[in-house]
N, C-alpha and C. Protein backbone atom coordinates (compact mmCIF):
# COMPACT_ATOMS: atom_id res chain seq x y z
N MET A 1 80.12 119.77 104.06
CA MET A 1 79.58 119.85 102.64
C MET A 1 78.65 118.72 102.33
N THR A 2 77.56 119.00 101.85
CA THR A 2 76.56 117.94 101.44
C THR A 2 76.99 117.41 100.03
N ASP A 3 76.92 116.08 99.98
CA ASP A 3 77.25 115.40 98.72
C ASP A 3 76.08 115.61 97.69
N ILE A 4 76.38 115.82 96.45
CA ILE A 4 75.28 115.96 95.46
C ILE A 4 74.74 114.67 95.00
N PHE A 5 75.46 113.57 95.32
CA PHE A 5 75.06 112.19 94.85
C PHE A 5 74.45 111.44 95.98
N SER A 6 73.62 110.49 95.68
CA SER A 6 73.15 109.62 96.69
C SER A 6 74.23 108.71 97.25
N ARG A 7 74.04 108.08 98.36
CA ARG A 7 75.06 107.18 98.87
C ARG A 7 75.42 106.05 97.90
N GLU A 8 74.38 105.57 97.29
CA GLU A 8 74.56 104.46 96.28
C GLU A 8 75.38 105.00 95.02
N LYS A 9 75.00 106.11 94.52
CA LYS A 9 75.65 106.68 93.39
C LYS A 9 77.12 107.02 93.66
N ARG A 10 77.36 107.58 94.90
CA ARG A 10 78.76 107.91 95.27
C ARG A 10 79.53 106.61 95.37
N SER A 11 79.01 105.55 95.92
CA SER A 11 79.67 104.27 96.08
C SER A 11 80.02 103.73 94.66
N GLU A 12 79.11 103.87 93.74
CA GLU A 12 79.34 103.43 92.34
C GLU A 12 80.51 104.17 91.69
N ILE A 13 80.46 105.50 91.91
CA ILE A 13 81.55 106.39 91.30
C ILE A 13 82.93 106.00 91.93
N MET A 14 82.96 105.90 93.25
CA MET A 14 84.20 105.63 93.92
C MET A 14 84.76 104.23 93.63
N SER A 15 83.86 103.31 93.36
CA SER A 15 84.33 101.94 93.12
C SER A 15 85.11 101.81 91.77
N LYS A 16 84.98 102.84 90.93
CA LYS A 16 85.70 102.90 89.64
C LYS A 16 87.03 103.55 89.78
N ILE A 17 87.34 104.11 90.84
CA ILE A 17 88.65 104.78 91.05
C ILE A 17 89.65 103.71 91.53
N ARG A 18 90.68 103.55 90.80
CA ARG A 18 91.67 102.54 91.16
C ARG A 18 92.67 103.11 92.11
N SER A 19 93.02 102.28 93.09
CA SER A 19 94.08 102.70 94.07
C SER A 19 95.38 101.98 93.76
N LYS A 20 95.32 100.92 93.03
CA LYS A 20 96.54 100.13 92.67
C LYS A 20 96.50 99.97 91.16
N TRP A 21 97.74 99.97 90.59
CA TRP A 21 97.96 99.65 89.20
C TRP A 21 97.35 100.81 88.34
N THR A 22 97.59 102.02 88.80
CA THR A 22 97.25 103.18 87.97
C THR A 22 98.22 103.22 86.76
N GLY A 23 97.92 104.10 85.87
CA GLY A 23 98.76 104.24 84.69
C GLY A 23 100.21 104.56 85.07
N LEU A 24 100.35 105.47 86.08
CA LEU A 24 101.68 105.84 86.52
C LEU A 24 102.44 104.58 87.11
N GLU A 25 101.73 103.79 87.83
CA GLU A 25 102.34 102.61 88.43
C GLU A 25 102.70 101.62 87.35
N LYS A 26 101.84 101.49 86.36
CA LYS A 26 102.20 100.49 85.25
C LYS A 26 103.40 100.91 84.48
N ARG A 27 103.53 102.28 84.25
CA ARG A 27 104.66 102.81 83.54
C ARG A 27 105.96 102.60 84.38
N PHE A 28 105.85 102.87 85.62
CA PHE A 28 106.96 102.66 86.58
C PHE A 28 107.45 101.22 86.57
N MET A 29 106.56 100.29 86.64
CA MET A 29 106.83 98.86 86.65
C MET A 29 107.50 98.43 85.36
N GLU A 30 106.99 99.00 84.20
CA GLU A 30 107.61 98.67 82.93
C GLU A 30 109.08 99.13 82.91
N ALA A 31 109.33 100.28 83.44
CA ALA A 31 110.65 100.85 83.47
C ALA A 31 111.54 100.18 84.49
N HIS A 32 110.95 99.59 85.56
CA HIS A 32 111.67 99.00 86.66
C HIS A 32 111.12 97.63 86.96
N PRO A 33 111.33 96.62 86.15
CA PRO A 33 110.64 95.33 86.35
C PRO A 33 111.13 94.62 87.61
N ASP A 34 112.27 94.99 88.20
CA ASP A 34 112.77 94.36 89.43
C ASP A 34 112.19 94.98 90.71
N ALA A 35 111.33 96.01 90.52
CA ALA A 35 110.74 96.61 91.74
C ALA A 35 109.68 95.71 92.35
N ILE A 36 109.61 95.79 93.69
CA ILE A 36 108.62 95.01 94.38
C ILE A 36 107.35 95.88 94.55
N PRO A 37 106.21 95.48 93.96
CA PRO A 37 105.02 96.30 94.00
C PRO A 37 104.15 96.12 95.25
N HIS A 38 103.62 97.20 95.71
CA HIS A 38 102.62 97.21 96.80
C HIS A 38 102.98 96.34 97.99
N PRO A 39 104.18 96.60 98.64
CA PRO A 39 104.54 95.75 99.77
C PRO A 39 103.65 96.09 100.96
N ASP A 40 102.62 95.29 101.16
CA ASP A 40 101.66 95.54 102.20
C ASP A 40 102.12 95.22 103.63
N TRP A 41 103.29 94.68 103.77
CA TRP A 41 103.84 94.46 105.12
C TRP A 41 104.53 95.68 105.66
N LEU A 42 104.66 96.74 104.93
CA LEU A 42 105.26 97.95 105.43
C LEU A 42 104.24 98.97 105.82
N PRO A 43 104.54 99.82 106.83
CA PRO A 43 103.59 100.92 107.16
C PRO A 43 103.53 102.00 106.16
N TYR A 44 102.52 102.70 106.12
CA TYR A 44 102.33 103.84 105.18
C TYR A 44 102.13 103.41 103.75
N ARG A 45 101.96 102.16 103.54
CA ARG A 45 101.66 101.54 102.23
C ARG A 45 102.46 102.17 101.06
N PRO A 46 103.76 101.99 100.92
CA PRO A 46 104.49 102.53 99.80
C PRO A 46 104.01 101.76 98.49
N ASP A 47 104.19 102.44 97.39
CA ASP A 47 103.83 101.81 96.10
C ASP A 47 104.80 100.76 95.64
N PHE A 48 106.10 100.99 95.85
CA PHE A 48 107.07 100.05 95.42
C PHE A 48 108.33 100.08 96.37
N ILE A 49 109.08 99.06 96.22
CA ILE A 49 110.44 99.06 96.83
C ILE A 49 111.37 98.82 95.64
N LEU A 50 112.35 99.64 95.49
CA LEU A 50 113.29 99.52 94.33
C LEU A 50 114.65 99.73 94.93
N ASP A 51 115.49 98.71 94.78
CA ASP A 51 116.92 98.74 95.22
C ASP A 51 116.96 99.23 96.73
N GLY A 52 116.09 98.75 97.53
CA GLY A 52 116.04 99.15 98.92
C GLY A 52 115.43 100.51 99.23
N LYS A 53 114.94 101.22 98.20
CA LYS A 53 114.38 102.48 98.41
C LYS A 53 112.85 102.41 98.40
N ILE A 54 112.21 103.14 99.26
CA ILE A 54 110.74 103.16 99.32
C ILE A 54 110.26 104.19 98.26
N VAL A 55 109.37 103.82 97.41
CA VAL A 55 108.89 104.69 96.31
C VAL A 55 107.41 104.91 96.44
N TYR A 56 107.01 106.17 96.50
CA TYR A 56 105.60 106.57 96.42
C TYR A 56 105.36 107.26 95.06
N LEU A 57 104.26 106.80 94.42
CA LEU A 57 103.93 107.36 93.14
C LEU A 57 102.63 108.16 93.23
N ASP A 58 102.73 109.43 93.36
CA ASP A 58 101.53 110.24 93.51
C ASP A 58 101.78 111.51 92.71
N SER A 59 100.65 112.10 92.29
CA SER A 59 100.82 113.37 91.56
C SER A 59 101.07 114.49 92.60
N SER A 60 101.50 115.61 92.09
CA SER A 60 101.83 116.67 92.95
C SER A 60 100.56 117.23 93.66
N PHE A 61 99.40 117.11 93.04
CA PHE A 61 98.17 117.63 93.66
C PHE A 61 97.96 117.05 95.00
N TRP A 62 98.11 115.75 95.17
CA TRP A 62 97.81 115.10 96.45
C TRP A 62 98.77 115.46 97.55
N HIS A 63 99.86 116.16 97.18
CA HIS A 63 100.83 116.59 98.19
C HIS A 63 100.78 118.12 98.43
N GLY A 64 99.63 118.65 97.95
CA GLY A 64 99.35 120.00 98.26
C GLY A 64 99.93 121.09 97.31
N PHE A 65 100.44 120.66 96.18
CA PHE A 65 100.94 121.55 95.20
C PHE A 65 99.83 121.91 94.23
N VAL A 66 99.10 122.92 94.63
CA VAL A 66 97.89 123.33 93.86
C VAL A 66 97.99 124.89 93.65
N PRO A 67 97.66 125.32 92.48
CA PRO A 67 97.66 126.80 92.33
C PRO A 67 96.78 127.48 93.34
N ARG A 68 97.24 128.62 93.86
CA ARG A 68 96.55 129.32 94.92
C ARG A 68 95.11 129.58 94.62
N ARG A 69 94.80 130.04 93.39
CA ARG A 69 93.46 130.33 92.96
C ARG A 69 92.55 129.08 93.05
N ARG A 70 93.12 127.98 92.59
CA ARG A 70 92.30 126.76 92.61
C ARG A 70 92.10 126.29 94.08
N PHE A 71 93.16 126.41 94.89
CA PHE A 71 93.04 126.00 96.32
C PHE A 71 92.01 126.90 97.01
N GLU A 72 91.99 128.16 96.75
CA GLU A 72 91.02 129.07 97.45
C GLU A 72 89.61 128.81 97.01
N LYS A 73 89.39 128.27 95.82
CA LYS A 73 88.04 127.97 95.31
C LYS A 73 87.50 126.59 95.76
N MET A 74 88.45 125.78 96.32
CA MET A 74 88.01 124.47 96.78
C MET A 74 87.06 124.57 98.01
N PRO A 75 86.11 123.61 98.07
CA PRO A 75 85.38 123.54 99.30
C PRO A 75 86.32 123.18 100.43
N PRO A 76 85.86 123.50 101.70
CA PRO A 76 86.72 123.28 102.86
C PRO A 76 87.05 121.76 103.03
N TYR A 77 86.22 120.89 102.58
CA TYR A 77 86.59 119.50 102.72
C TYR A 77 87.94 119.18 101.99
N TRP A 78 88.02 119.68 100.78
CA TRP A 78 89.22 119.35 99.98
C TRP A 78 90.46 120.06 100.49
N ARG A 79 90.25 121.33 101.01
CA ARG A 79 91.45 122.02 101.57
C ARG A 79 91.93 121.29 102.81
N GLU A 80 91.03 120.82 103.62
CA GLU A 80 91.40 120.02 104.78
C GLU A 80 92.04 118.73 104.44
N LYS A 81 91.49 118.06 103.38
CA LYS A 81 92.09 116.83 102.91
C LYS A 81 93.53 116.96 102.47
N LEU A 82 93.81 118.00 101.71
CA LEU A 82 95.16 118.27 101.30
C LEU A 82 96.08 118.57 102.45
N PHE A 83 95.56 119.35 103.39
CA PHE A 83 96.29 119.60 104.61
C PHE A 83 96.67 118.29 105.37
N ARG A 84 95.70 117.45 105.51
CA ARG A 84 95.94 116.18 106.18
C ARG A 84 96.98 115.31 105.43
N ASN A 85 96.97 115.36 104.07
CA ASN A 85 97.93 114.66 103.25
C ASN A 85 99.36 115.20 103.52
N ILE A 86 99.48 116.52 103.65
CA ILE A 86 100.78 117.16 103.90
C ILE A 86 101.34 116.71 105.26
N VAL A 87 100.45 116.71 106.21
CA VAL A 87 100.83 116.27 107.59
C VAL A 87 101.22 114.80 107.58
N ARG A 88 100.44 113.91 106.91
CA ARG A 88 100.75 112.52 106.83
C ARG A 88 102.08 112.33 106.06
N ASP A 89 102.30 113.13 105.04
CA ASP A 89 103.62 113.03 104.32
C ASP A 89 104.77 113.27 105.25
N ALA A 90 104.63 114.33 106.06
CA ALA A 90 105.73 114.67 107.01
C ALA A 90 105.97 113.57 108.03
N ILE A 91 104.93 112.94 108.50
CA ILE A 91 105.05 111.83 109.43
C ILE A 91 105.73 110.63 108.74
N ALA A 92 105.24 110.33 107.60
CA ALA A 92 105.78 109.18 106.84
C ALA A 92 107.23 109.36 106.48
N ASP A 93 107.54 110.59 106.03
CA ASP A 93 108.93 110.93 105.63
C ASP A 93 109.85 110.80 106.85
N SER A 94 109.46 111.27 107.98
CA SER A 94 110.34 111.21 109.18
C SER A 94 110.49 109.75 109.58
N PHE A 95 109.42 108.91 109.50
CA PHE A 95 109.52 107.53 109.79
C PHE A 95 110.49 106.83 108.90
N TRP A 96 110.40 107.02 107.55
CA TRP A 96 111.35 106.34 106.66
C TRP A 96 112.74 106.83 106.81
N GLU A 97 112.93 108.10 107.09
CA GLU A 97 114.26 108.61 107.32
C GLU A 97 114.92 107.94 108.59
N ALA A 98 114.10 107.82 109.62
CA ALA A 98 114.60 107.14 110.83
C ALA A 98 114.93 105.67 110.62
N VAL A 99 114.11 104.96 109.80
CA VAL A 99 114.34 103.55 109.63
C VAL A 99 115.42 103.28 108.59
N SER A 100 115.32 103.97 107.44
CA SER A 100 116.23 103.55 106.40
C SER A 100 117.13 104.63 105.84
N ASN A 101 116.87 105.85 106.27
CA ASN A 101 117.64 107.07 105.74
C ASN A 101 117.44 107.27 104.30
N ILE A 102 116.46 106.57 103.66
CA ILE A 102 116.18 106.80 102.22
C ILE A 102 114.68 106.85 102.02
N VAL A 103 114.25 107.85 101.21
CA VAL A 103 112.88 107.93 100.82
C VAL A 103 112.87 108.28 99.33
N GLY A 104 112.28 107.40 98.56
CA GLY A 104 112.11 107.64 97.14
C GLY A 104 110.73 108.18 96.87
N ILE A 105 110.67 109.26 96.13
CA ILE A 105 109.37 109.90 95.91
C ILE A 105 109.23 110.20 94.43
N GLU A 106 108.12 109.85 93.82
CA GLU A 106 107.91 110.18 92.44
C GLU A 106 107.59 111.71 92.26
N CYS A 107 106.84 112.25 93.18
CA CYS A 107 106.53 113.68 93.16
C CYS A 107 107.70 114.52 93.62
N GLU A 108 108.52 114.94 92.69
CA GLU A 108 109.73 115.69 92.97
C GLU A 108 109.46 116.98 93.75
N ARG A 109 108.36 117.63 93.41
CA ARG A 109 108.10 118.89 94.09
C ARG A 109 107.96 118.76 95.63
N ARG A 110 107.63 117.53 96.03
CA ARG A 110 107.46 117.30 97.46
C ARG A 110 108.89 117.50 98.15
N LEU A 111 109.93 117.20 97.44
CA LEU A 111 111.29 117.35 98.06
C LEU A 111 111.59 118.80 98.32
N GLU A 112 110.84 119.77 97.66
CA GLU A 112 111.14 121.18 97.85
C GLU A 112 110.70 121.73 99.19
N ARG A 113 109.81 120.97 99.84
CA ARG A 113 109.23 121.43 101.08
C ARG A 113 110.22 121.42 102.20
């Protein structure tokens, strides 16, 4: 898929997207001040550690929970991206289950899989 923006414009747009301290993360930290934020020493970059549990804070969209009509209208790039996320989730989940037997997830729908 060809990008509709120039490389410079795309860079400017993407630079404004936050990967840490999103609104969801700020609310979580307010509710759980004892959580350890962004432990970069762990694989798969969890968002927090809380009481020994690994916590990922993501919306359901990024885990592939998208209405079928919306999914079918997406360009192939985004369908493939969501598929890669689902595969990565499965690998990360199996890793954390093997290491700690505990996986904390903000996106509850992901547990339905």
